[in-house]
Every structure is written in structure tokens, then in C-alpha cells.
Amino acid sequence: MKRRIGPAFSLATAAIVVVVLLGATVATGYAAQSALPGGPLHSVKTGLERARLALSADEAGDARLNLQFAEKRLEELAGLIEAGRFTELADVAQAFEAHIQAAIAGLGAVAQSNPVEARELAGAVTEALSRYASLLTEFAAAVPTEAQAALLSALEATNQEIGLDDDGSDENENDNVDGNLNTNENANENENDNDDLNENENDNDDLDENENDNVNENQNENENENDNED
């Protein structure tokens, strides 16, 4: 006699299968976090990163995620260096640079829409770039000369100035400085012009005085000569 499977049993079995699959997915995703390029789980790792970016709510979230993923690339570089896989560093370093550029671009977008959040995000980006630069410097010193180029290029990507002019304060300060400089220059020019004018007037006065003195002296001499002749 065949045993019949009831609906309750079917639902329970389906639930168990879903739980097992979800558990396996979570376990796979967790295991993939430490995967190095070329490994079977690395594609899972990068796929999850792309999914997180797709689900991100805004540019600030994108920028923070890209900073996190840039750090993941640094972890991969460390693993490759430890394993002596120097020929594989270039691709990972390029991926790192792409994350950095995306984070900075995201910061710029946030600055246009939310200056307050942009200032907070700028602090996080600046701190992260400083930390990443220190790690890359250590990495470059630990690899053969022929493998350093990619790491030095990545290091250069971290040496970017993060500046915001969202509230116009920097521009106003520059305008004020320029205005003060122009005022000082005009004042100096006026003073110099006045000094030159005064000097010219003094020179003219001296010239007039000299001419008058000469005329008087000549007249006196002529009068004396006439008196003597008389």
C-alpha cells in the first residue's frame, strides 16, 4: 500500500529546502569574503558587491560602499603578495583605483545635494585615503621592482586633495583676500603717485628758487659793475 504525502508534509519539506539553500548561500557569501582573485568564490564576492551597489539608496551610500570595496582590494593585494603571486597585482590595483575614483565622484555628487553630509563623507574619504596610502607604501616595499608599478599607480590615486566649496566659504575668502590685495595695491599706487607728485613739485620749487637766485645774482652783479663804471 502506497503511503500518501499530505500537504503539511510537503510545505515542511519545502521550508526545510529553502532554509538549507539560504543557509548555503549565506555560508558561501561569507566564505567568499576572503577569496582571492582566481579562486572559485571570487566571482561570488564581486557579484555580491555589485548587488550591494545596485541596492544602495543614494550617492553617499555608493561612495561609502566603494571605500569598503577598495579596502577589500587591498586585502586581496596583501594575500597575493603573501602568496608570491606578483603577476596578478596589476588587475587588483586597477580595481582598487576604480573604487577610489567612484568614491570621490560620489562625494562630488553629494556635495551638490547635501553639503552637510558631504562634509562628513569628505572626512571619511580623507581618513580612508590616508590609511590606504600607508598600506600601499608597505606593499610596494615588499614586492620585486618589476611588480611595483601597479602599486605605485594605486598609491598615486590616494594622493588626491579632497576639497569642498559647497557653501562658497572658500570662494568668499579668496574674494576677500583678492579685494584686500587690490585695495592695498591701489593705496600703494596712490601713495607712490602722491610721493612722485610731491617730489616733482619739490623739484620744481627748487628749480624756481635756483633760477630766481641766479637772476638776482646776475642783476646784482650787473648793478655793481654799472656802479663801478660810473
C-alpha atoms as a PDB file:
ATOM      1  CA  MET A   1       0.000   0.000   0.000  1.00  0.00           C
ATOM      2  CA  LYS A   2       1.400   3.345  -1.115  1.00  0.00           C
ATOM      3  CA  ARG A   3       1.846   5.975   1.546  1.00  0.00           C
ATOM      4  CA  ARG A   4       0.290   9.323   0.645  1.00  0.00           C
ATOM      5  CA  ILE A   5       2.186  12.523   1.366  1.00  0.00           C
ATOM      6  CA  GLY A   6      -0.019  15.196   2.873  1.00  0.00           C
ATOM      7  CA  PRO A   7       0.115  18.939   2.117  1.00  0.00           C
ATOM      8  CA  ALA A   8       1.560  19.748   5.540  1.00  0.00           C
ATOM      9  CA  PHE A   9       4.499  17.438   4.947  1.00  0.00           C
ATOM     10  CA  SER A  10       5.125  18.986   1.516  1.00  0.00           C
ATOM     11  CA  LEU A  11       5.151  22.507   2.954  1.00  0.00           C
ATOM     12  CA  ALA A  12       7.514  21.477   5.732  1.00  0.00           C
ATOM     13  CA  THR A  13       9.849  19.845   3.248  1.00  0.00           C
ATOM     14  CA  ALA A  14       9.801  22.919   1.028  1.00  0.00           C
ATOM     15  CA  ALA A  15      10.538  25.137   4.027  1.00  0.00           C
ATOM     16  CA  ILE A  16      13.490  22.956   5.004  1.00  0.00           C
ATOM     17  CA  VAL A  17      14.843  23.113   1.457  1.00  0.00           C
ATOM     18  CA  VAL A  18      14.535  26.937   1.401  1.00  0.00           C
ATOM     19  CA  VAL A  19      16.289  27.236   4.758  1.00  0.00           C
ATOM     20  CA  VAL A  20      19.088  24.938   3.608  1.00  0.00           C
ATOM     21  CA  LEU A  21      19.509  26.880   0.376  1.00  0.00           C
ATOM     22  CA  LEU A  22      19.519  30.209   2.181  1.00  0.00           C
ATOM     23  CA  GLY A  23      21.972  28.901   4.717  1.00  0.00           C
ATOM     24  CA  ALA A  24      24.209  27.611   1.962  1.00  0.00           C
ATOM     25  CA  THR A  25      24.001  30.971   0.194  1.00  0.00           C
ATOM     26  CA  VAL A  26      24.906  32.870   3.342  1.00  0.00           C
ATOM     27  CA  ALA A  27      27.736  30.462   4.089  1.00  0.00           C
ATOM     28  CA  THR A  28      29.014  30.775   0.532  1.00  0.00           C
ATOM     29  CA  GLY A  29      28.841  34.540   0.676  1.00  0.00           C
ATOM     30  CA  TYR A  30      30.668  34.602   3.980  1.00  0.00           C
ATOM     31  CA  ALA A  31      33.355  32.250   2.711  1.00  0.00           C
ATOM     32  CA  ALA A  32      33.710  34.340  -0.443  1.00  0.00           C
ATOM     33  CA  GLN A  33      34.731  37.426   1.541  1.00  0.00           C
ATOM     34  CA  SER A  34      38.258  36.097   1.920  1.00  0.00           C
ATOM     35  CA  ALA A  35      38.501  34.728  -1.635  1.00  0.00           C
ATOM     36  CA  LEU A  36      41.459  35.827  -3.728  1.00  0.00           C
ATOM     37  CA  PRO A  37      41.338  36.530  -7.461  1.00  0.00           C
ATOM     38  CA  GLY A  38      41.404  33.333  -9.464  1.00  0.00           C
ATOM     39  CA  GLY A  39      39.627  31.375  -6.742  1.00  0.00           C
ATOM     40  CA  PRO A  40      36.216  29.741  -7.298  1.00  0.00           C
ATOM     41  CA  LEU A  41      34.455  32.085  -4.858  1.00  0.00           C
ATOM     42  CA  HIS A  42      35.959  35.360  -6.011  1.00  0.00           C
ATOM     43  CA  SER A  43      33.282  35.871  -8.652  1.00  0.00           C
ATOM     44  CA  VAL A  44      30.666  35.373  -5.913  1.00  0.00           C
ATOM     45  CA  LYS A  45      32.407  38.018  -3.843  1.00  0.00           C
ATOM     46  CA  THR A  46      32.468  40.640  -6.589  1.00  0.00           C
ATOM     47  CA  GLY A  47      28.914  39.738  -7.607  1.00  0.00           C
ATOM     48  CA  LEU A  48      27.682  40.455  -4.105  1.00  0.00           C
ATOM     49  CA  GLU A  49      29.498  43.787  -4.186  1.00  0.00           C
ATOM     50  CA  ARG A  50      27.747  44.753  -7.414  1.00  0.00           C
ATOM     51  CA  ALA A  51      24.415  43.742  -5.895  1.00  0.00           C
ATOM     52  CA  ARG A  52      25.033  45.927  -2.853  1.00  0.00           C
ATOM     53  CA  LEU A  53      25.824  48.891  -5.079  1.00  0.00           C
ATOM     54  CA  ALA A  54      22.654  48.295  -7.082  1.00  0.00           C
ATOM     55  CA  LEU A  55      20.604  48.294  -3.865  1.00  0.00           C
ATOM     56  CA  SER A  56      22.286  51.394  -2.446  1.00  0.00           C
ATOM     57  CA  ALA A  57      19.823  54.193  -1.756  1.00  0.00           C
ATOM     58  CA  ASP A  58      21.918  57.235  -2.711  1.00  0.00           C
ATOM     59  CA  GLU A  59      25.287  58.622  -3.816  1.00  0.00           C
ATOM     60  CA  ALA A  60      26.574  58.804  -0.248  1.00  0.00           C
ATOM     61  CA  GLY A  61      25.855  55.103   0.192  1.00  0.00           C
ATOM     62  CA  ASP A  62      27.599  54.354  -3.098  1.00  0.00           C
ATOM     63  CA  ALA A  63      30.673  56.309  -2.010  1.00  0.00           C
ATOM     64  CA  ARG A  64      30.899  54.507   1.331  1.00  0.00           C
ATOM     65  CA  LEU A  65      30.474  51.126  -0.336  1.00  0.00           C
ATOM     66  CA  ASN A  66      33.232  51.918  -2.819  1.00  0.00           C
ATOM     67  CA  LEU A  67      35.530  52.768   0.068  1.00  0.00           C
ATOM     68  CA  GLN A  68      34.712  49.410   1.634  1.00  0.00           C
ATOM     69  CA  PHE A  69      35.334  47.588  -1.640  1.00  0.00           C
ATOM     70  CA  ALA A  70      38.620  49.455  -2.116  1.00  0.00           C
ATOM     71  CA  GLU A  71      39.684  48.070   1.245  1.00  0.00           C
ATOM     72  CA  LYS A  72      38.702  44.582   0.077  1.00  0.00           C
ATOM     73  CA  ARG A  73      41.009  45.038  -2.911  1.00  0.00           C
ATOM     74  CA  LEU A  74      43.813  45.977  -0.514  1.00  0.00           C
ATOM     75  CA  GLU A  75      43.174  42.788   1.425  1.00  0.00           C
ATOM     76  CA  GLU A  76      43.427  40.870  -1.843  1.00  0.00           C
ATOM     77  CA  LEU A  77      46.695  42.608  -2.687  1.00  0.00           C
ATOM     78  CA  ALA A  78      48.068  41.609   0.707  1.00  0.00           C
ATOM     79  CA  GLY A  79      47.010  37.992   0.117  1.00  0.00           C
ATOM     80  CA  LEU A  80      48.558  37.896  -3.340  1.00  0.00           C
ATOM     81  CA  ILE A  81      51.816  39.382  -2.059  1.00  0.00           C
ATOM     82  CA  GLU A  82      51.940  36.871   0.771  1.00  0.00           C
ATOM     83  CA  ALA A  83      51.406  34.075  -1.752  1.00  0.00           C
ATOM     84  CA  GLY A  84      54.079  35.456  -4.062  1.00  0.00           C
ATOM     85  CA  ARG A  85      51.585  35.963  -6.906  1.00  0.00           C
ATOM     86  CA  PHE A  86      53.102  39.236  -8.030  1.00  0.00           C
ATOM     87  CA  THR A  87      51.981  38.998 -11.655  1.00  0.00           C
ATOM     88  CA  GLU A  88      48.332  39.237 -10.531  1.00  0.00           C
ATOM     89  CA  LEU A  89      48.707  42.502  -8.634  1.00  0.00           C
ATOM     90  CA  ALA A  90      48.011  44.833 -11.575  1.00  0.00           C
ATOM     91  CA  ASP A  91      44.358  43.865 -12.120  1.00  0.00           C
ATOM     92  CA  VAL A  92      43.538  44.163  -8.435  1.00  0.00           C
ATOM     93  CA  ALA A  93      45.340  47.500  -8.180  1.00  0.00           C
ATOM     94  CA  GLN A  94      43.327  48.815 -11.127  1.00  0.00           C
ATOM     95  CA  ALA A  95      40.105  47.685  -9.462  1.00  0.00           C
ATOM     96  CA  PHE A  96      41.210  49.497  -6.313  1.00  0.00           C
ATOM     97  CA  GLU A  97      41.771  52.710  -8.287  1.00  0.00           C
ATOM     98  CA  ALA A  98      38.316  52.391  -9.869  1.00  0.00           C
ATOM     99  CA  HIS A  99      36.696  52.164  -6.433  1.00  0.00           C
ATOM    100  CA  ILE A 100      38.634  55.229  -5.237  1.00  0.00           C
ATOM    101  CA  GLN A 101      37.614  57.300  -8.250  1.00  0.00           C
ATOM    102  CA  ALA A 102      33.987  56.207  -7.838  1.00  0.00           C
ATOM    103  CA  ALA A 103      34.034  57.181  -4.153  1.00  0.00           C
ATOM    104  CA  ILE A 104      35.433  60.639  -4.942  1.00  0.00           C
ATOM    105  CA  ALA A 105      32.912  61.123  -7.750  1.00  0.00           C
ATOM    106  CA  GLY A 106      30.151  60.141  -5.337  1.00  0.00           C
ATOM    107  CA  LEU A 107      31.424  62.699  -2.855  1.00  0.00           C
ATOM    108  CA  GLY A 108      31.201  65.376  -5.523  1.00  0.00           C
ATOM    109  CA  ALA A 109      27.604  64.420  -6.276  1.00  0.00           C
ATOM    110  CA  VAL A 110      26.676  64.521  -2.583  1.00  0.00           C
ATOM    111  CA  ALA A 111      28.239  67.970  -2.233  1.00  0.00           C
ATOM    112  CA  GLN A 112      25.749  69.298  -4.783  1.00  0.00           C
ATOM    113  CA  SER A 113      22.680  67.967  -2.994  1.00  0.00           C
ATOM    114  CA  ASN A 114      23.589  67.697   0.699  1.00  0.00           C
ATOM    115  CA  PRO A 115      26.525  69.877   1.834  1.00  0.00           C
ATOM    116  CA  VAL A 116      26.259  68.801   5.475  1.00  0.00           C
ATOM    117  CA  GLU A 117      26.511  65.103   4.660  1.00  0.00           C
ATOM    118  CA  ALA A 118      29.228  65.867   2.121  1.00  0.00           C
ATOM    119  CA  ARG A 119      31.461  67.360   4.812  1.00  0.00           C
ATOM    120  CA  GLU A 120      31.038  64.239   6.944  1.00  0.00           C
ATOM    121  CA  LEU A 121      31.687  61.997   3.948  1.00  0.00           C
ATOM    122  CA  ALA A 122      34.749  64.041   2.971  1.00  0.00           C
ATOM    123  CA  GLY A 123      36.238  63.329   6.389  1.00  0.00           C
ATOM    124  CA  ALA A 124      35.684  59.594   5.917  1.00  0.00           C
ATOM    125  CA  VAL A 125      37.190  59.662   2.426  1.00  0.00           C
ATOM    126  CA  THR A 126      40.237  61.635   3.588  1.00  0.00           C
ATOM    127  CA  GLU A 127      40.852  59.282   6.520  1.00  0.00           C
ATOM    128  CA  ALA A 128      40.474  56.213   4.306  1.00  0.00           C
ATOM    129  CA  LEU A 129      42.827  57.537   1.617  1.00  0.00           C
ATOM    130  CA  SER A 130      45.486  58.277   4.219  1.00  0.00           C
ATOM    131  CA  ARG A 131      45.215  54.762   5.622  1.00  0.00           C
ATOM    132  CA  TYR A 132      45.222  53.176   2.168  1.00  0.00           C
ATOM    133  CA  ALA A 133      48.313  55.172   1.195  1.00  0.00           C
ATOM    134  CA  SER A 134      50.218  53.807   4.191  1.00  0.00           C
ATOM    135  CA  LEU A 135      49.302  50.224   3.289  1.00  0.00           C
ATOM    136  CA  LEU A 136      50.226  50.644  -0.365  1.00  0.00           C
ATOM    137  CA  THR A 137      53.582  52.112   0.613  1.00  0.00           C
ATOM    138  CA  GLU A 138      54.261  48.997   2.681  1.00  0.00           C
ATOM    139  CA  PHE A 139      53.100  46.748  -0.169  1.00  0.00           C
ATOM    140  CA  ALA A 140      55.356  48.466  -2.702  1.00  0.00           C
ATOM    141  CA  ALA A 141      58.359  47.973  -0.434  1.00  0.00           C
ATOM    142  CA  ALA A 142      57.587  44.257  -0.091  1.00  0.00           C
ATOM    143  CA  VAL A 143      57.445  43.293  -3.774  1.00  0.00           C
ATOM    144  CA  PRO A 144      60.076  42.975  -6.503  1.00  0.00           C
ATOM    145  CA  THR A 145      60.879  46.102  -8.504  1.00  0.00           C
ATOM    146  CA  GLU A 146      59.075  44.839 -11.606  1.00  0.00           C
ATOM    147  CA  ALA A 147      55.830  44.480  -9.628  1.00  0.00           C
ATOM    148  CA  GLN A 148      55.902  47.922  -8.042  1.00  0.00           C
ATOM    149  CA  ALA A 149      54.448  49.944 -10.935  1.00  0.00           C
ATOM    150  CA  ALA A 150      50.822  48.921 -10.367  1.00  0.00           C
ATOM    151  CA  LEU A 151      51.076  49.559  -6.630  1.00  0.00           C
ATOM    152  CA  LEU A 152      52.663  52.964  -7.137  1.00  0.00           C
ATOM    153  CA  SER A 153      49.886  53.886  -9.557  1.00  0.00           C
ATOM    154  CA  ALA A 154      47.323  52.894  -6.935  1.00  0.00           C
ATOM    155  CA  LEU A 155      49.251  54.901  -4.357  1.00  0.00           C
ATOM    156  CA  GLU A 156      49.066  57.957  -6.602  1.00  0.00           C
ATOM    157  CA  ALA A 157      45.276  57.570  -6.736  1.00  0.00           C
ATOM    158  CA  THR A 158      45.151  58.023  -2.967  1.00  0.00           C
ATOM    159  CA  ASN A 159      47.134  61.273  -3.104  1.00  0.00           C
ATOM    160  CA  GLN A 160      44.192  63.424  -4.104  1.00  0.00           C
ATOM    161  CA  GLU A 161      43.085  66.642  -2.455  1.00  0.00           C
ATOM    162  CA  ILE A 162      39.545  66.420  -1.120  1.00  0.00           C
ATOM    163  CA  GLY A 163      38.157  69.961  -1.184  1.00  0.00           C
ATOM    164  CA  LEU A 164      34.578  71.191  -0.981  1.00  0.00           C
ATOM    165  CA  ASP A 165      33.212  74.588  -1.998  1.00  0.00           C
ATOM    166  CA  ASP A 166      29.578  73.707  -1.373  1.00  0.00           C
ATOM    167  CA  ASP A 167      28.798  76.756   0.800  1.00  0.00           C
ATOM    168  CA  GLY A 168      31.036  79.141  -1.080  1.00  0.00           C
ATOM    169  CA  SER A 169      33.099  79.928   2.021  1.00  0.00           C
ATOM    170  CA  ASP A 170      36.411  79.269   0.324  1.00  0.00           C
ATOM    171  CA  GLU A 171      35.423  81.348  -2.684  1.00  0.00           C
ATOM    172  CA  ASN A 172      34.313  84.227  -0.458  1.00  0.00           C
ATOM    173  CA  GLU A 173      37.538  84.066   1.480  1.00  0.00           C
ATOM    174  CA  ASN A 174      39.503  84.188  -1.753  1.00  0.00           C
ATOM    175  CA  ASP A 175      37.379  87.098  -2.988  1.00  0.00           C
ATOM    176  CA  ASN A 176      38.009  88.985   0.238  1.00  0.00           C
ATOM    177  CA  VAL A 177      41.719  88.316   0.046  1.00  0.00           C
ATOM    178  CA  ASP A 178      41.814  89.460  -3.574  1.00  0.00           C
ATOM    179  CA  GLY A 179      39.804  92.545  -2.682  1.00  0.00           C
ATOM    180  CA  ASN A 180      42.156  93.414   0.128  1.00  0.00           C
ATOM    181  CA  LEU A 181      45.152  92.899  -2.107  1.00  0.00           C
ATOM    182  CA  ASN A 182      43.645  95.144  -4.760  1.00  0.00           C
ATOM    183  CA  THR A 183      42.843  97.798  -2.156  1.00  0.00           C
ATOM    184  CA  ASN A 184      46.382  97.651  -0.817  1.00  0.00           C
ATOM    185  CA  GLU A 185      47.819  97.809  -4.293  1.00  0.00           C
ATOM    186  CA  ASN A 186      45.650 100.815  -5.159  1.00  0.00           C
ATOM    187  CA  ALA A 187      46.602 102.515  -1.904  1.00  0.00           C
ATOM    188  CA  ASN A 188      50.274 101.873  -2.574  1.00  0.00           C
ATOM    189  CA  GLU A 189      49.934 103.159  -6.103  1.00  0.00           C
ATOM    190  CA  ASN A 190      48.196 106.296  -4.858  1.00  0.00           C
ATOM    191  CA  GLU A 191      50.855 106.827  -2.237  1.00  0.00           C
ATOM    192  CA  ASN A 192      53.578 106.324  -4.795  1.00  0.00           C
ATOM    193  CA  ASP A 193      51.847 108.720  -7.215  1.00  0.00           C
ATOM    194  CA  ASN A 194      51.465 111.285  -4.467  1.00  0.00           C
ATOM    195  CA  ASP A 195      55.080 110.859  -3.450  1.00  0.00           C
ATOM    196  CA  ASP A 196      56.197 111.254  -7.048  1.00  0.00           C
ATOM    197  CA  LEU A 197      53.992 114.296  -7.461  1.00  0.00           C
ATOM    198  CA  ASN A 198      55.334 115.843  -4.281  1.00  0.00           C
ATOM    199  CA  GLU A 199      58.867 115.128  -5.369  1.00  0.00           C
ATOM    200  CA  ASN A 200      58.189 116.703  -8.739  1.00  0.00           C
ATOM    201  CA  GLU A 201      56.675 119.737  -7.059  1.00  0.00           C
ATOM    202  CA  ASN A 202      59.646 119.979  -4.741  1.00  0.00           C
ATOM    203  CA  ASP A 203      61.992 119.671  -7.692  1.00  0.00           C
ATOM    204  CA  ASN A 204      60.082 122.428  -9.488  1.00  0.00           C
ATOM    205  CA  ASP A 205      60.216 124.619  -6.387  1.00  0.00           C
ATOM    206  CA  ASP A 206      63.942 124.008  -6.095  1.00  0.00           C
ATOM    207  CA  LEU A 207      64.359 124.802  -9.776  1.00  0.00           C
ATOM    208  CA  ASP A 208      62.351 128.008  -9.447  1.00  0.00           C
ATOM    209  CA  GLU A 209      64.349 129.010  -6.404  1.00  0.00           C
ATOM    210  CA  ASN A 210      67.609 128.298  -8.177  1.00  0.00           C
ATOM    211  CA  GLU A 211      66.519 130.264 -11.214  1.00  0.00           C
ATOM    212  CA  ASN A 212      65.396 133.190  -9.071  1.00  0.00           C
ATOM    213  CA  ASP A 213      68.652 133.136  -7.153  1.00  0.00           C
ATOM    214  CA  ASN A 214      70.623 133.120 -10.378  1.00  0.00           C
ATOM    215  CA  VAL A 215      68.593 136.007 -11.806  1.00  0.00           C
ATOM    216  CA  ASN A 216      69.036 138.022  -8.614  1.00  0.00           C
ATOM    217  CA  GLU A 217      72.740 137.306  -8.537  1.00  0.00           C
ATOM    218  CA  ASN A 218      73.126 138.349 -12.175  1.00  0.00           C
ATOM    219  CA  GLN A 219      71.166 141.534 -11.569  1.00  0.00           C
ATOM    220  CA  ASN A 220      73.246 142.392  -8.515  1.00  0.00           C
ATOM    221  CA  GLU A 221      76.454 141.755 -10.419  1.00  0.00           C
ATOM    222  CA  ASN A 222      75.297 143.946 -13.307  1.00  0.00           C
ATOM    223  CA  GLU A 223      74.309 146.730 -10.962  1.00  0.00           C
ATOM    224  CA  ASN A 224      77.643 146.564  -9.203  1.00  0.00           C
ATOM    225  CA  GLU A 225      79.503 146.710 -12.494  1.00  0.00           C
ATOM    226  CA  ASN A 226      77.477 149.707 -13.598  1.00  0.00           C
ATOM    227  CA  ASP A 227      78.155 151.475 -10.310  1.00  0.00           C
ATOM    228  CA  ASN A 228      81.861 150.827 -10.660  1.00  0.00           C
ATOM    229  CA  GLU A 229      81.920 152.188 -14.194  1.00  0.00           C
ATOM    230  CA  ASP A 230      80.109 155.305 -13.037  1.00  0.00           C
END
